[in-house]
Amino acid sequence: MTENDIRAFLSETNYDIRISGNGRWIDQKCTPDVLWSVSDFVLYYSENVSETFTVKDVWESDYAKQTIRETFSKPDTDDKSAENEYDKVFSQPLCLLCYAGVIEDKSQTKKHLYKVKNKDVLEYIARNDIYALRFLQEYIEKVLRDSDLFPYFQVYFNLQTSNSFADMKQAFIDFYHQYTAVRGQFEPKRIFTKVLNPIAFKYRKHGTIAGRMSQHPINRSDMMYNRDNFRDIYRDKPKGVARKDWLANHPEFDVREGYFEQMMNAAKRLVKNINDTNRGSISELTQFDRNHTDMVPANQAHHIFPKNEFPDIMYYAENLIVLTPNQHYYFAHPNNNTQIVDIAAQKVLLVAKTYSIKKNLTEERDQIYTFSNLLLVLSIGWDDEGVLDIEQDDYTEVIHSINYHYA
């Protein structure tokens, strides 16, 4: 699916809160990373366990248990002390997905029993937190427009003053008090943050932090439930210091390995699915170079730059290439040693991946890559920020850079 498909999906529904009275169309835990993670859990559960599910089914599922503690820096899912927090972390995104029409409530009682209603949209959100953010931005704006609230936000985006911020915020609170069952001052204010910041980021505008107008245009980390990411962690890393050494010497950073592991697994499923759909399960390497012909189905997602050395790009689809087992274990890894990467093979795989990315972005409808992410993967894998200066969509220069680097 594309962003246009998401807009088309949203256009089919009137989300006017004045009609529905639903103040839970979005909530405090509906951040891009939480919405993505919970959607990924829901997708896996609905495909592998049961078509119908409750909130507790999802948060106590084996897949969630595997990663949830490190994903959200919280105790295990069966820890009673964290039960109230997990109820919010899982139930609030499910309420959002239900109001949006991505899932539906099949229960006739107060105990919600959900079922996936639009799998394509759920798969889009479950790709990673970037796609979840794109969905949130389109969804939030559609709800605000349908509810005739967006003009207040437009005025603020145009003026970017403390007065226009205060007017917008008060209009939002008054609207909630008039049309929803949400009462008090604090809850609408907390919800307001989750509404404003994603669309402020979309339009590169100031949003809100700690209840006030932000001093800077909203950035990606301002919207996340867990804010540390690898790029923040490595910001002050001296050139020449290995990433794993930097992490070992800075234990104060919460790397949330489970979160990135979940992102990586989702990316692997994504590149495999797109390869099955668009290439008939033929290896990306075979399609590029007939010298490596292997016509058995490709079912191995290989890290071109190994995840143990480059954890910050282990979840990028642009760093994953789909290979056959023989190509994976005897070409990419010499003598079936997965701890070693063949440098000559790495060059060939990067060229093949570049062609796959170009084809996806120029010929295929379901685009899962971005050119900027390709450059980012190369710059981190090579420790060369100069690659980032390559002009948008200049694939010829990317190939030249690969050949030059491995010359």
Protein backbone atom coordinates (compact mmCIF):
# COMPACT_ATOMS: atom_id res chain seq x y z
CA MET A 1 0.00 0.00 0.00
CA THR A 2 0.99 3.63 -0.47
CA GLU A 3 0.11 6.84 1.36
CA ASN A 4 -2.45 7.52 -1.37
CA ASP A 5 -4.06 4.17 -0.58
CA ILE A 6 -4.20 5.16 3.11
CA ARG A 7 -5.86 8.46 2.19
CA ALA A 8 -8.36 6.60 0.01
CA PHE A 9 -9.12 4.20 2.86
CA LEU A 10 -9.67 7.06 5.32
CA SER A 11 -11.82 8.96 2.85
CA GLU A 12 -14.44 6.21 3.00
CA THR A 13 -15.37 7.06 6.61
CA ASN A 14 -16.72 10.13 8.37
CA TYR A 15 -14.77 10.40 11.63
CA ASP A 16 -16.66 13.43 12.98
CA ILE A 17 -16.34 13.26 16.78
CA ARG A 18 -19.39 15.50 17.11
CA ILE A 19 -21.41 12.57 15.74
CA SER A 20 -19.60 9.63 17.37
CA GLY A 21 -18.82 11.28 20.72
CA ASN A 22 -15.76 9.02 20.84
CA GLY A 23 -13.00 10.71 22.84
CA ARG A 24 -10.82 7.59 22.53
CA TRP A 25 -10.13 7.86 18.82
CA ILE A 26 -6.56 8.54 19.96
CA ASP A 27 -4.98 8.48 23.41
CA GLN A 28 -1.81 9.00 25.42
CA LYS A 29 -0.12 5.72 24.43
CA CYS A 30 -0.87 6.10 20.71
CA THR A 31 2.66 7.09 19.73
CA PRO A 32 4.14 5.91 16.40
CA ASP A 33 6.39 3.29 18.03
CA VAL A 34 3.64 1.87 20.25
CA LEU A 35 1.06 1.83 17.44
CA TRP A 36 3.54 0.05 15.15
CA SER A 37 4.56 -2.50 17.78
CA VAL A 38 1.01 -3.36 18.86
CA SER A 39 -0.12 -3.57 15.21
CA ASP A 40 2.72 -6.00 14.55
CA PHE A 41 1.61 -8.13 17.52
CA VAL A 42 -2.02 -8.03 16.33
CA LEU A 43 -1.09 -8.99 12.77
CA TYR A 44 0.98 -11.93 13.95
CA TYR A 45 -1.69 -13.09 16.42
CA SER A 46 -4.53 -12.88 13.88
CA GLU A 47 -2.52 -14.82 11.29
CA ASN A 48 -1.04 -17.50 13.54
CA VAL A 49 -3.26 -17.92 16.61
CA SER A 50 -6.85 -16.72 16.20
CA GLU A 51 -8.88 -14.41 13.97
CA THR A 52 -10.55 -12.88 17.03
CA PHE A 53 -8.71 -11.51 20.04
CA THR A 54 -9.02 -9.45 23.18
CA VAL A 55 -6.56 -6.90 24.51
CA LYS A 56 -5.20 -9.44 26.97
CA ASP A 57 -4.83 -12.10 24.26
CA VAL A 58 -2.44 -9.85 22.40
CA TRP A 59 -0.35 -8.68 25.33
CA GLU A 60 -0.01 -12.20 26.75
CA SER A 61 0.79 -13.78 23.37
CA ASP A 62 4.09 -15.61 22.96
CA TYR A 63 5.29 -13.14 20.34
CA ALA A 64 4.67 -10.17 22.60
CA LYS A 65 6.33 -11.90 25.54
CA GLN A 66 9.46 -12.48 23.48
CA THR A 67 10.20 -8.79 23.06
CA ILE A 68 7.90 -6.63 25.18
CA ARG A 69 10.19 -6.11 28.18
CA GLU A 70 12.98 -4.70 26.06
CA THR A 71 10.65 -3.11 23.51
CA PHE A 72 9.04 -0.81 26.06
CA SER A 73 11.62 -0.95 28.88
CA LYS A 74 8.94 -2.47 31.13
CA PRO A 75 8.57 -5.68 33.20
CA ASP A 76 7.36 -8.94 31.65
CA THR A 77 3.79 -9.01 30.37
CA ASP A 78 2.69 -11.33 33.18
CA ASP A 79 4.12 -9.04 35.88
CA LYS A 80 1.14 -7.91 37.98
CA SER A 81 2.83 -4.62 38.90
CA ALA A 82 2.83 -3.60 35.22
CA GLU A 83 -0.66 -4.84 34.37
CA ASN A 84 -2.27 -1.38 34.42
CA GLU A 85 0.45 0.09 32.22
CA TYR A 86 0.24 -2.75 29.70
CA ASP A 87 -3.54 -2.45 29.59
CA LYS A 88 -3.09 1.13 28.36
CA VAL A 89 -0.19 0.33 26.03
CA PHE A 90 -2.25 -2.32 24.25
CA SER A 91 -5.86 -1.18 24.63
CA GLN A 92 -5.42 2.43 23.53
CA PRO A 93 -3.86 1.60 20.11
CA LEU A 94 -6.56 -1.04 19.62
CA CYS A 95 -9.24 1.59 20.30
CA LEU A 96 -7.57 3.82 17.69
CA LEU A 97 -7.43 1.01 15.13
CA CYS A 98 -11.07 0.20 15.82
CA TYR A 99 -12.26 3.81 15.38
CA ALA A 100 -10.19 4.07 12.20
CA GLY A 101 -11.86 0.93 10.82
CA VAL A 102 -8.69 -1.16 10.61
CA ILE A 103 -10.07 -3.67 13.13
CA GLU A 104 -13.65 -4.11 14.34
CA ASP A 105 -15.27 -4.96 17.67
CA LYS A 106 -17.32 -8.15 17.28
CA SER A 107 -18.42 -8.32 20.93
CA GLN A 108 -21.98 -7.68 22.06
CA THR A 109 -20.80 -6.94 25.59
CA LYS A 110 -18.41 -4.47 27.22
CA LYS A 111 -15.58 -6.99 26.85
CA HIS A 112 -14.07 -6.08 23.49
CA LEU A 113 -13.51 -8.93 21.06
CA TYR A 114 -11.66 -7.64 18.02
CA LYS A 115 -11.19 -8.93 14.49
CA VAL A 116 -9.05 -7.55 11.66
CA LYS A 117 -11.25 -5.64 9.21
CA ASN A 118 -8.67 -4.29 6.74
CA LYS A 119 -5.56 -6.45 6.67
CA ASP A 120 -3.80 -4.36 4.01
CA VAL A 121 -3.90 -1.23 6.17
CA LEU A 122 -2.85 -3.19 9.27
CA GLU A 123 0.11 -4.61 7.34
CA TYR A 124 1.07 -1.08 6.28
CA ILE A 125 1.09 0.16 9.89
CA ALA A 126 2.90 -2.97 11.09
CA ARG A 127 5.87 -2.45 8.75
CA ASN A 128 7.75 -0.15 11.12
CA ASP A 129 7.29 3.01 13.17
CA ILE A 130 7.83 5.24 10.12
CA TYR A 131 4.79 3.78 8.36
CA ALA A 132 2.83 3.92 11.61
CA LEU A 133 3.69 7.62 11.83
CA ARG A 134 2.55 8.22 8.24
CA PHE A 135 -0.75 6.53 9.03
CA LEU A 136 -1.15 8.57 12.22
CA GLN A 137 -0.53 11.83 10.37
CA GLU A 138 -3.17 11.09 7.73
CA TYR A 139 -5.63 9.69 10.26
CA ILE A 140 -5.31 12.56 12.76
CA GLU A 141 -5.73 15.21 10.09
CA LYS A 142 -8.77 13.42 8.64
CA VAL A 143 -10.47 13.23 12.05
CA LEU A 144 -9.72 16.91 12.75
CA ARG A 145 -11.07 17.98 9.36
CA ASP A 146 -14.21 15.86 9.70
CA SER A 147 -14.76 17.34 13.16
CA ASP A 148 -14.16 20.90 11.94
CA LEU A 149 -11.24 21.27 14.34
CA PHE A 150 -8.44 21.57 11.80
CA PRO A 151 -8.90 25.35 11.18
CA TYR A 152 -7.57 26.02 14.70
CA PHE A 153 -4.47 23.99 13.89
CA GLN A 154 -4.02 25.74 10.55
CA VAL A 155 -4.05 29.14 12.23
CA TYR A 156 -1.41 27.96 14.67
CA PHE A 157 0.78 26.47 11.93
CA ASN A 158 0.59 29.74 10.02
CA LEU A 159 1.32 32.03 12.99
CA GLN A 160 3.48 29.84 15.27
CA THR A 161 2.95 32.16 18.26
CA SER A 162 2.25 31.47 21.92
CA ASN A 163 -1.16 33.14 21.62
CA SER A 164 -2.24 31.02 18.64
CA PHE A 165 -0.95 27.95 20.51
CA ALA A 166 -3.03 28.80 23.58
CA ASP A 167 -6.14 29.43 21.44
CA MET A 168 -5.74 26.13 19.61
CA LYS A 169 -5.18 24.16 22.82
CA GLN A 170 -8.16 25.72 24.58
CA ALA A 171 -10.40 25.12 21.56
CA PHE A 172 -9.38 21.45 21.65
CA ILE A 173 -10.14 21.14 25.37
CA ASP A 174 -13.50 22.92 25.00
CA PHE A 175 -14.38 20.65 22.09
CA TYR A 176 -13.66 17.54 24.17
CA HIS A 177 -15.79 18.82 27.04
CA GLN A 178 -18.68 19.61 24.71
CA TYR A 179 -18.75 16.54 22.49
CA THR A 180 -17.14 13.65 24.42
CA ALA A 181 -17.47 12.04 27.83
CA VAL A 182 -13.90 13.04 28.71
CA ARG A 183 -14.01 15.49 31.60
CA GLY A 184 -11.45 17.45 33.60
CA GLN A 185 -8.56 19.49 32.27
CA PHE A 186 -5.61 17.13 32.38
CA GLU A 187 -6.76 14.27 30.18
CA PRO A 188 -7.67 16.38 27.13
CA LYS A 189 -4.31 18.13 27.48
CA ARG A 190 -2.42 14.83 27.42
CA ILE A 191 -4.41 13.65 24.40
CA PHE A 192 -3.79 17.01 22.71
CA THR A 193 -0.04 16.30 22.65
CA LYS A 194 -0.56 13.05 20.73
CA VAL A 195 -2.79 14.89 18.25
CA LEU A 196 -0.63 17.94 17.59
CA ASN A 197 2.91 16.61 17.39
CA PRO A 198 2.56 14.10 14.51
CA ILE A 199 0.97 16.70 12.21
CA ALA A 200 3.40 19.39 13.43
CA PHE A 201 6.20 17.05 12.37
CA LYS A 202 4.50 16.52 9.01
CA TYR A 203 4.44 20.27 8.32
CA ARG A 204 7.83 20.92 10.02
CA LYS A 205 6.25 23.17 12.64
CA HIS A 206 6.58 23.76 16.37
CA GLY A 207 4.37 21.51 18.45
CA THR A 208 4.11 20.98 22.18
CA ILE A 209 6.49 19.66 24.84
CA ALA A 210 5.70 19.50 28.56
CA GLY A 211 2.38 21.24 27.96
CA ARG A 212 3.89 24.29 26.31
CA MET A 213 4.68 25.36 22.78
CA SER A 214 7.92 23.65 21.78
CA GLN A 215 11.02 25.78 21.34
CA HIS A 216 11.92 23.94 18.16
CA PRO A 217 10.07 22.25 15.30
CA ILE A 218 8.96 18.81 16.42
CA ASN A 219 11.39 16.02 15.59
CA ARG A 220 10.85 12.30 15.42
CA SER A 221 12.07 11.46 18.91
CA ASP A 222 9.67 14.00 20.46
CA MET A 223 6.75 11.77 19.44
CA MET A 224 8.02 8.43 20.66
CA TYR A 225 7.07 6.49 23.78
CA ASN A 226 10.71 5.41 24.14
CA ARG A 227 12.89 8.23 22.94
CA ASP A 228 16.42 6.83 22.78
CA ASN A 229 17.46 5.58 19.36
CA PHE A 230 20.77 4.64 17.84
CA ARG A 231 21.21 7.94 16.05
CA ASP A 232 20.79 9.83 19.33
CA ILE A 233 23.21 7.48 21.06
CA TYR A 234 25.91 7.80 18.40
CA ARG A 235 25.57 11.58 18.03
CA ASP A 236 28.70 12.26 20.12
CA LYS A 237 30.66 9.16 19.10
CA PRO A 238 34.18 10.10 17.96
CA LYS A 239 35.04 9.05 14.43
CA GLY A 240 37.05 5.85 14.45
CA VAL A 241 35.47 4.39 17.59
CA ALA A 242 33.53 1.20 16.87
CA ARG A 243 29.82 1.37 17.56
CA LYS A 244 29.83 -1.72 19.78
CA ASP A 245 32.70 -0.22 21.83
CA TRP A 246 30.81 3.06 22.18
CA LEU A 247 27.73 1.23 23.45
CA ALA A 248 29.77 -0.86 25.90
CA ASN A 249 31.29 2.28 27.39
CA HIS A 250 27.99 4.17 27.67
CA PRO A 251 25.64 1.99 29.75
CA GLU A 252 23.46 5.01 30.53
CA PHE A 253 21.76 4.65 27.16
CA ASP A 254 18.67 2.47 26.99
CA VAL A 255 19.16 0.74 23.66
CA ARG A 256 15.92 -1.29 23.87
CA GLU A 257 17.30 -4.25 21.97
CA GLY A 258 13.90 -5.96 21.89
CA TYR A 259 12.38 -3.01 20.07
CA PHE A 260 14.97 -3.09 17.29
CA GLU A 261 14.81 -6.89 17.17
CA GLN A 262 11.07 -6.65 16.59
CA MET A 263 11.64 -4.00 13.92
CA MET A 264 14.20 -6.28 12.25
CA ASN A 265 11.85 -9.28 12.23
CA ALA A 266 9.09 -7.14 10.72
CA ALA A 267 11.51 -5.89 8.04
CA LYS A 268 12.54 -9.45 7.21
CA ARG A 269 8.93 -10.49 6.73
CA LEU A 270 8.33 -7.41 4.61
CA VAL A 271 11.22 -7.97 2.17
CA LYS A 272 10.36 -11.67 1.88
CA ASN A 273 6.71 -10.90 1.17
CA ILE A 274 7.52 -8.30 -1.47
CA ASN A 275 9.98 -10.72 -3.08
CA ASP A 276 7.38 -13.50 -3.13
CA THR A 277 4.73 -11.17 -4.58
CA ASN A 278 6.76 -9.23 -7.15
CA ARG A 279 9.54 -11.67 -8.05
CA GLY A 280 7.94 -15.07 -7.65
CA SER A 281 10.28 -15.95 -4.76
CA ILE A 282 13.35 -15.72 -7.02
CA SER A 283 16.46 -14.50 -5.22
CA GLU A 284 17.31 -10.81 -5.54
CA LEU A 285 20.85 -11.90 -6.38
CA THR A 286 19.73 -14.33 -9.11
CA GLN A 287 17.58 -11.68 -10.75
CA PHE A 288 20.57 -9.34 -10.91
CA ASP A 289 23.40 -11.72 -11.76
CA ARG A 290 22.81 -14.96 -13.66
CA ASN A 291 26.26 -16.15 -12.58
CA HIS A 292 24.59 -16.89 -9.27
CA THR A 293 21.62 -18.74 -10.72
CA ASP A 294 19.79 -20.73 -8.07
CA MET A 295 16.15 -21.30 -8.91
CA VAL A 296 15.02 -22.77 -5.58
CA PRO A 297 12.73 -20.41 -3.61
CA ALA A 298 14.55 -17.60 -1.82
CA ASN A 299 13.60 -17.68 1.86
CA GLN A 300 16.65 -16.18 3.58
CA ALA A 301 16.78 -12.50 4.56
CA HIS A 302 20.49 -11.68 4.77
CA HIS A 303 22.03 -8.61 6.43
CA ILE A 304 24.43 -7.05 3.94
CA PHE A 305 26.08 -5.17 6.79
CA PRO A 306 25.94 -7.65 9.72
CA LYS A 307 23.63 -6.82 12.60
CA ASN A 308 26.21 -7.60 15.31
CA GLU A 309 28.51 -4.88 13.93
CA PHE A 310 25.84 -2.44 12.77
CA PRO A 311 22.81 -2.80 15.07
CA ASP A 312 21.60 0.68 14.14
CA ILE A 313 20.76 -0.46 10.59
CA MET A 314 19.77 -4.06 11.32
CA TYR A 315 16.08 -3.21 10.91
CA TYR A 316 16.36 -1.29 7.62
CA ALA A 317 14.82 -3.12 4.68
CA GLU A 318 17.51 -1.48 2.54
CA ASN A 319 20.12 -3.54 4.44
CA LEU A 320 18.29 -6.85 3.87
CA ILE A 321 18.49 -8.93 0.70
CA VAL A 322 16.48 -12.08 0.02
CA LEU A 323 18.66 -15.05 -0.99
CA THR A 324 18.37 -18.79 -1.42
CA PRO A 325 19.89 -20.93 1.36
CA ASN A 326 22.91 -21.81 -0.80
CA GLN A 327 23.55 -18.16 -1.69
CA HIS A 328 23.21 -17.17 1.94
CA TYR A 329 25.40 -19.80 3.54
CA TYR A 330 28.02 -20.38 0.82
CA PHE A 331 28.29 -17.06 -1.02
CA ALA A 332 27.43 -14.31 1.48
CA HIS A 333 29.09 -16.22 4.35
CA PRO A 334 32.26 -18.10 3.39
CA ASN A 335 32.24 -21.81 4.26
CA ASN A 336 28.88 -21.50 6.02
CA ASN A 337 30.43 -19.34 8.76
CA THR A 338 27.73 -16.80 9.58
CA GLN A 339 30.16 -14.79 11.71
CA ILE A 340 32.17 -13.84 8.63
CA VAL A 341 31.10 -11.60 5.75
CA ASP A 342 32.78 -12.01 2.38
CA ILE A 343 33.74 -8.49 1.30
CA ALA A 344 33.71 -9.32 -2.41
CA ALA A 345 30.25 -10.83 -1.98
CA GLN A 346 29.13 -7.77 -0.02
CA LYS A 347 29.91 -5.58 -3.02
CA VAL A 348 27.85 -7.78 -5.35
CA LEU A 349 24.96 -7.91 -2.89
CA LEU A 350 24.93 -4.11 -2.52
CA VAL A 351 24.76 -3.66 -6.28
CA ALA A 352 21.97 -6.24 -6.52
CA LYS A 353 20.09 -4.56 -3.69
CA THR A 354 20.45 -1.17 -5.32
CA TYR A 355 18.81 -2.52 -8.47
CA SER A 356 16.01 -4.07 -6.39
CA ILE A 357 15.40 -0.77 -4.64
CA LYS A 358 15.38 1.15 -7.91
CA LYS A 359 12.90 -1.29 -9.44
CA ASN A 360 10.65 -1.11 -6.37
CA LEU A 361 10.62 2.70 -6.34
CA THR A 362 10.21 3.18 -10.10
CA GLU A 363 8.14 0.22 -11.30
CA GLU A 364 6.31 -1.45 -8.44
CA ARG A 365 3.13 -0.24 -6.80
CA ASP A 366 3.84 -1.31 -3.21
CA GLN A 367 6.95 0.70 -2.38
CA ILE A 368 8.75 -0.45 0.75
CA TYR A 369 12.11 1.31 0.35
CA THR A 370 13.35 4.91 0.30
CA PHE A 371 16.39 6.22 -1.54
CA SER A 372 17.46 8.23 1.52
CA ASN A 373 17.51 5.06 3.64
CA LEU A 374 19.73 3.38 1.04
CA LEU A 375 22.23 6.23 1.42
CA LEU A 376 21.97 6.05 5.20
CA VAL A 377 22.71 2.32 5.20
CA LEU A 378 25.77 2.86 2.98
CA SER A 379 27.04 5.79 5.07
CA ILE A 380 26.83 3.79 8.30
CA GLY A 381 28.13 0.56 6.80
CA TRP A 382 31.11 2.37 5.32
CA ASP A 383 31.44 5.04 8.03
CA ASP A 384 31.38 7.61 5.24
CA GLU A 385 28.95 10.51 5.53
CA GLY A 386 29.96 11.75 2.10
CA VAL A 387 27.59 9.18 0.57
CA LEU A 388 24.69 11.20 1.97
CA ASP A 389 25.50 13.97 -0.53
CA ILE A 390 24.45 11.83 -3.49
CA GLU A 391 21.50 13.50 -5.22
CA GLN A 392 18.04 12.02 -4.87
CA ASP A 393 17.42 9.01 -7.17
CA ASP A 394 20.92 9.09 -8.65
CA TYR A 395 21.32 5.31 -8.74
CA THR A 396 24.21 5.55 -11.20
CA GLU A 397 26.24 7.47 -8.64
CA VAL A 398 25.34 4.91 -5.96
CA ILE A 399 26.72 2.12 -8.16
CA HIS A 400 29.85 4.20 -8.85
CA SER A 401 30.28 4.71 -5.09
CA ILE A 402 29.96 0.97 -4.43
CA ASN A 403 32.54 0.13 -7.10
CA TYR A 404 34.90 2.84 -5.82
CA HIS A 405 34.59 1.76 -2.18
CA TYR A 406 35.46 -1.87 -2.92
CA ALA A 407 38.10 -1.15 -5.58
